[in-house]
Structure formats: structure tokens, C-alpha cells
């Protein structure tokens, strides 16, 4: 079972201030849903993702979707802090190599970077439904484990 730490450390010690500021973070690869015949033609980007227990659905940054040339496939109304707003959805794939897991399908796009978010992906409860997460606030440690490959 793959196991990773999604907290922060400074010289080998847990960094509670960075965990409070940024939240649980891991690296993921974002790429198109369809894998091209020539793998070198696959556009992908390795980015930081926030493990977001407050989000029901995972989402990607709008600028990242444009940069990767992802094709819009749908729209959805989402209620956020600023009230309900229509978001574009993209068919894409998010891979977490460290957990040996991937999530694919329709993802909402939001203006994460334009909104001063440090992350380009939010991994919501749809991602967490297939993951074990232990948040130890006292020790400033977040542990993620993947018993199965996710969809």
C-alpha cells in the first residue's frame, strides 16, 4: 500500500506553520484524458495539489487547462464563497505517482492561480473517497495511503 506524507518539513522537523498556511499538499501530474499514440505528444504538467476536504469535487486551474489545451466538455453551477457561479468542465486525468493512483473524468476549472491560490489542483472528497488520510495536527503531519487504484 503506497504511503506518503502531505505535510511540510524544515530540516527534518514538521513545519506546522506551512501546513497551516498551505494545507496538506502533494504533487500530481495533470494531462489530457486521451493518451496519444505517440507518448511524446502527451501534454502534461506536474503541479502541487491541495488535499481539500471542503471540496466535494476535485478541480483544476483554468489557466492550466488552457496551457494543456484541454477541451471543454460541459458546464456546471457551483456554489462557493462568492456565491453560485458557472464553471467550465474539462475531460482530464490527474495522476498521483507517489500513491500509484489516478483520477479521470470531468473536472471543474476554477481561477485558482488568479485567486492567489498556491495550488493548481484541488483534490476533493471524490479523490479522498478512495484514500486513507490521517491528519495529525499536534505533530503537523498528514499521511495519505492508497489501498486501491482510484478512478
C-alpha atoms as a PDB file:
ATOM      1  CA  UNK A   1       0.000   0.000   0.000  1.00  0.00           C
ATOM      2  CA  UNK A   2       1.661   3.281  -1.114  1.00  0.00           C
ATOM      3  CA  UNK A   3       2.069   5.761   1.755  1.00  0.00           C
ATOM      4  CA  UNK A   4       3.089   9.434   1.516  1.00  0.00           C
ATOM      5  CA  UNK A   5       3.429  12.477   3.744  1.00  0.00           C
ATOM      6  CA  UNK A   6       1.418  15.501   2.563  1.00  0.00           C
ATOM      7  CA  UNK A   7       2.631  17.899   5.249  1.00  0.00           C
ATOM      8  CA  UNK A   8       5.735  20.072   5.320  1.00  0.00           C
ATOM      9  CA  UNK A   9       9.098  19.713   6.984  1.00  0.00           C
ATOM     10  CA  UNK A  10      12.016  22.029   7.606  1.00  0.00           C
ATOM     11  CA  UNK A  11      15.388  20.341   8.138  1.00  0.00           C
ATOM     12  CA  UNK A  12      13.649  17.079   9.008  1.00  0.00           C
ATOM     13  CA  UNK A  13      11.206  18.611  11.504  1.00  0.00           C
ATOM     14  CA  UNK A  14       7.485  19.055  10.878  1.00  0.00           C
ATOM     15  CA  UNK A  15       6.651  22.628   9.850  1.00  0.00           C
ATOM     16  CA  UNK A  16       3.261  23.412  11.407  1.00  0.00           C
ATOM     17  CA  UNK A  17       3.164  26.997  10.102  1.00  0.00           C
ATOM     18  CA  UNK A  18       3.493  25.942   6.463  1.00  0.00           C
ATOM     19  CA  UNK A  19       0.895  23.204   6.979  1.00  0.00           C
ATOM     20  CA  UNK A  20      -1.500  25.794   8.433  1.00  0.00           C
ATOM     21  CA  UNK A  21      -0.791  28.237   5.599  1.00  0.00           C
ATOM     22  CA  UNK A  22      -0.866  25.888   2.590  1.00  0.00           C
ATOM     23  CA  UNK A  23      -2.798  22.854   3.825  1.00  0.00           C
ATOM     24  CA  UNK A  24      -1.970  19.232   3.005  1.00  0.00           C
ATOM     25  CA  UNK A  25      -0.125  19.237  -0.321  1.00  0.00           C
ATOM     26  CA  UNK A  26       1.138  16.653  -2.789  1.00  0.00           C
ATOM     27  CA  UNK A  27       2.432  16.674  -6.356  1.00  0.00           C
ATOM     28  CA  UNK A  28       0.271  15.404  -9.200  1.00  0.00           C
ATOM     29  CA  UNK A  29       0.508  15.202 -12.960  1.00  0.00           C
ATOM     30  CA  UNK A  30      -2.338  16.720 -14.977  1.00  0.00           C
ATOM     31  CA  UNK A  31      -2.762  15.578 -18.575  1.00  0.00           C
ATOM     32  CA  UNK A  32      -5.394  15.043 -21.221  1.00  0.00           C
ATOM     33  CA  UNK A  33      -7.883  12.237 -20.776  1.00  0.00           C
ATOM     34  CA  UNK A  34      -6.926  10.559 -24.044  1.00  0.00           C
ATOM     35  CA  UNK A  35      -3.385   9.236 -24.332  1.00  0.00           C
ATOM     36  CA  UNK A  36      -1.991   9.947 -27.845  1.00  0.00           C
ATOM     37  CA  UNK A  37      -0.429   7.198 -29.986  1.00  0.00           C
ATOM     38  CA  UNK A  38       2.961   8.893 -29.577  1.00  0.00           C
ATOM     39  CA  UNK A  39       3.536   9.363 -25.855  1.00  0.00           C
ATOM     40  CA  UNK A  40       5.925  12.270 -26.532  1.00  0.00           C
ATOM     41  CA  UNK A  41       2.906  14.205 -27.844  1.00  0.00           C
ATOM     42  CA  UNK A  42       1.172  13.986 -24.463  1.00  0.00           C
ATOM     43  CA  UNK A  43       0.941  17.424 -22.883  1.00  0.00           C
ATOM     44  CA  UNK A  44       1.258  17.188 -19.138  1.00  0.00           C
ATOM     45  CA  UNK A  45       2.229  19.348 -16.195  1.00  0.00           C
ATOM     46  CA  UNK A  46       3.470  18.395 -12.733  1.00  0.00           C
ATOM     47  CA  UNK A  47       1.848  20.718 -10.180  1.00  0.00           C
ATOM     48  CA  UNK A  48       1.058  21.000  -6.490  1.00  0.00           C
ATOM     49  CA  UNK A  49      -2.377  19.841  -5.332  1.00  0.00           C
ATOM     50  CA  UNK A  50      -4.218  20.776  -2.146  1.00  0.00           C
ATOM     51  CA  UNK A  51      -5.952  17.911  -0.341  1.00  0.00           C
ATOM     52  CA  UNK A  52      -9.237  19.790   0.177  1.00  0.00           C
ATOM     53  CA  UNK A  53     -11.760  18.097   2.480  1.00  0.00           C
ATOM     54  CA  UNK A  54     -14.094  21.064   1.993  1.00  0.00           C
ATOM     55  CA  UNK A  55     -14.466  20.462  -1.752  1.00  0.00           C
ATOM     56  CA  UNK A  56     -16.907  17.782  -2.852  1.00  0.00           C
ATOM     57  CA  UNK A  57     -15.269  17.592  -6.288  1.00  0.00           C
ATOM     58  CA  UNK A  58     -11.683  17.847  -7.443  1.00  0.00           C
ATOM     59  CA  UNK A  59     -10.865  20.764  -9.722  1.00  0.00           C
ATOM     60  CA  UNK A  60      -8.067  22.168 -11.838  1.00  0.00           C
ATOM     61  CA  UNK A  61      -6.862  25.690 -12.505  1.00  0.00           C
ATOM     62  CA  UNK A  62      -8.409  27.402 -15.565  1.00  0.00           C
ATOM     63  CA  UNK A  63      -5.017  28.643 -16.786  1.00  0.00           C
ATOM     64  CA  UNK A  64      -3.594  25.128 -16.524  1.00  0.00           C
ATOM     65  CA  UNK A  65      -6.479  23.742 -18.601  1.00  0.00           C
ATOM     66  CA  UNK A  66      -5.755  26.334 -21.297  1.00  0.00           C
ATOM     67  CA  UNK A  67      -1.991  25.718 -21.176  1.00  0.00           C
ATOM     68  CA  UNK A  68      -2.515  21.969 -21.676  1.00  0.00           C
ATOM     69  CA  UNK A  69      -5.014  22.557 -24.497  1.00  0.00           C
ATOM     70  CA  UNK A  70      -7.771  20.673 -22.704  1.00  0.00           C
ATOM     71  CA  UNK A  71     -11.121  20.707 -24.482  1.00  0.00           C
ATOM     72  CA  UNK A  72     -14.188  21.973 -22.577  1.00  0.00           C
ATOM     73  CA  UNK A  73     -16.873  19.280 -22.365  1.00  0.00           C
ATOM     74  CA  UNK A  74     -19.523  20.703 -20.040  1.00  0.00           C
ATOM     75  CA  UNK A  75     -20.505  23.476 -17.643  1.00  0.00           C
ATOM     76  CA  UNK A  76     -21.775  23.281 -14.072  1.00  0.00           C
ATOM     77  CA  UNK A  77     -23.081  25.681 -11.443  1.00  0.00           C
ATOM     78  CA  UNK A  78     -21.026  25.584  -8.259  1.00  0.00           C
ATOM     79  CA  UNK A  79     -21.692  27.481  -5.041  1.00  0.00           C
ATOM     80  CA  UNK A  80     -18.502  28.829  -3.497  1.00  0.00           C
ATOM     81  CA  UNK A  81     -17.535  31.538  -1.061  1.00  0.00           C
ATOM     82  CA  UNK A  82     -18.567  34.213  -3.579  1.00  0.00           C
ATOM     83  CA  UNK A  83     -21.910  32.568  -4.315  1.00  0.00           C
ATOM     84  CA  UNK A  84     -23.017  30.362  -7.215  1.00  0.00           C
ATOM     85  CA  UNK A  85     -21.045  30.605 -10.448  1.00  0.00           C
ATOM     86  CA  UNK A  86     -20.880  28.659 -13.694  1.00  0.00           C
ATOM     87  CA  UNK A  87     -17.639  26.724 -14.221  1.00  0.00           C
ATOM     88  CA  UNK A  88     -16.318  25.024 -17.334  1.00  0.00           C
ATOM     89  CA  UNK A  89     -15.577  21.305 -17.067  1.00  0.00           C
ATOM     90  CA  UNK A  90     -12.723  19.532 -18.826  1.00  0.00           C
ATOM     91  CA  UNK A  91     -12.173  15.872 -19.524  1.00  0.00           C
ATOM     92  CA  UNK A  92      -8.777  15.202 -17.982  1.00  0.00           C
ATOM     93  CA  UNK A  93      -6.616  12.857 -15.954  1.00  0.00           C
ATOM     94  CA  UNK A  94      -4.882  13.582 -12.627  1.00  0.00           C
ATOM     95  CA  UNK A  95      -2.129  11.145 -11.662  1.00  0.00           C
ATOM     96  CA  UNK A  96      -0.543  10.895  -8.222  1.00  0.00           C
ATOM     97  CA  UNK A  97       2.523   8.752  -8.869  1.00  0.00           C
ATOM     98  CA  UNK A  98       3.512   8.594  -5.196  1.00  0.00           C
ATOM     99  CA  UNK A  99       0.159   6.974  -4.333  1.00  0.00           C
ATOM    100  CA  UNK A 100       0.034   4.911  -7.533  1.00  0.00           C
ATOM    101  CA  UNK A 101      -3.406   6.310  -8.244  1.00  0.00           C
ATOM    102  CA  UNK A 102      -5.189   8.334 -10.879  1.00  0.00           C
ATOM    103  CA  UNK A 103      -8.470  10.145 -11.155  1.00  0.00           C
ATOM    104  CA  UNK A 104     -10.033  10.789 -14.542  1.00  0.00           C
ATOM    105  CA  UNK A 105     -13.210  12.230 -15.925  1.00  0.00           C
ATOM    106  CA  UNK A 106     -14.853  15.656 -15.931  1.00  0.00           C
ATOM    107  CA  UNK A 107     -13.129  18.221 -13.713  1.00  0.00           C
ATOM    108  CA  UNK A 108     -14.356  21.688 -12.861  1.00  0.00           C
ATOM    109  CA  UNK A 109     -11.982  24.514 -13.721  1.00  0.00           C
ATOM    110  CA  UNK A 110     -11.626  27.476 -11.379  1.00  0.00           C
ATOM    111  CA  UNK A 111      -9.414  30.550 -11.282  1.00  0.00           C
ATOM    112  CA  UNK A 112      -7.149  29.129  -8.586  1.00  0.00           C
ATOM    113  CA  UNK A 113      -3.926  30.957  -9.532  1.00  0.00           C
ATOM    114  CA  UNK A 114      -5.774  34.218 -10.286  1.00  0.00           C
ATOM    115  CA  UNK A 115      -7.339  33.925  -6.829  1.00  0.00           C
ATOM    116  CA  UNK A 116      -3.872  33.728  -5.217  1.00  0.00           C
ATOM    117  CA  UNK A 117      -4.200  30.003  -4.531  1.00  0.00           C
ATOM    118  CA  UNK A 118      -0.778  28.348  -4.198  1.00  0.00           C
ATOM    119  CA  UNK A 119      -2.075  25.138  -5.805  1.00  0.00           C
ATOM    120  CA  UNK A 120      -3.171  24.375  -9.368  1.00  0.00           C
ATOM    121  CA  UNK A 121      -5.297  21.374  -8.395  1.00  0.00           C
ATOM    122  CA  UNK A 122      -7.741  20.806  -5.553  1.00  0.00           C
ATOM    123  CA  UNK A 123      -8.228  17.147  -4.677  1.00  0.00           C
ATOM    124  CA  UNK A 124     -11.715  16.947  -3.180  1.00  0.00           C
ATOM    125  CA  UNK A 125     -13.745  14.345  -1.390  1.00  0.00           C
ATOM    126  CA  UNK A 126     -14.261  12.450  -4.667  1.00  0.00           C
ATOM    127  CA  UNK A 127     -10.493  11.759  -4.572  1.00  0.00           C
ATOM    128  CA  UNK A 128     -10.466  11.145  -0.820  1.00  0.00           C
ATOM    129  CA  UNK A 129     -13.259   8.566  -1.067  1.00  0.00           C
ATOM    130  CA  UNK A 130     -10.605   6.070  -2.223  1.00  0.00           C
ATOM    131  CA  UNK A 131      -7.759   7.215   0.042  1.00  0.00           C
ATOM    132  CA  UNK A 132      -6.885   6.821   3.704  1.00  0.00           C
ATOM    133  CA  UNK A 133      -5.920  10.168   5.244  1.00  0.00           C
ATOM    134  CA  UNK A 134      -4.601  10.785   8.750  1.00  0.00           C
ATOM    135  CA  UNK A 135      -4.355  14.451   9.773  1.00  0.00           C
ATOM    136  CA  UNK A 136      -2.294  14.789  12.947  1.00  0.00           C
ATOM    137  CA  UNK A 137      -2.474  18.487  13.811  1.00  0.00           C
ATOM    138  CA  UNK A 138      -0.435  18.129  17.001  1.00  0.00           C
ATOM    139  CA  UNK A 139       2.529  16.664  15.120  1.00  0.00           C
ATOM    140  CA  UNK A 140       1.806  18.720  11.947  1.00  0.00           C
ATOM    141  CA  UNK A 141       1.776  15.538   9.867  1.00  0.00           C
ATOM    142  CA  UNK A 142      -0.602  14.433   7.140  1.00  0.00           C
ATOM    143  CA  UNK A 143      -0.339  10.862   5.899  1.00  0.00           C
ATOM    144  CA  UNK A 144      -2.061   9.531   2.784  1.00  0.00           C
ATOM    145  CA  UNK A 145      -2.329   5.877   1.804  1.00  0.00           C
ATOM    146  CA  UNK A 146      -3.812   4.289  -1.282  1.00  0.00           C
ATOM    147  CA  UNK A 147      -5.099   0.747  -0.782  1.00  0.00           C
ATOM    148  CA  UNK A 148      -6.505   0.603  -4.323  1.00  0.00           C
ATOM    149  CA  UNK A 149      -6.132   2.387  -7.611  1.00  0.00           C
ATOM    150  CA  UNK A 150      -8.769   5.120  -7.903  1.00  0.00           C
ATOM    151  CA  UNK A 151     -10.909   6.341 -10.740  1.00  0.00           C
END
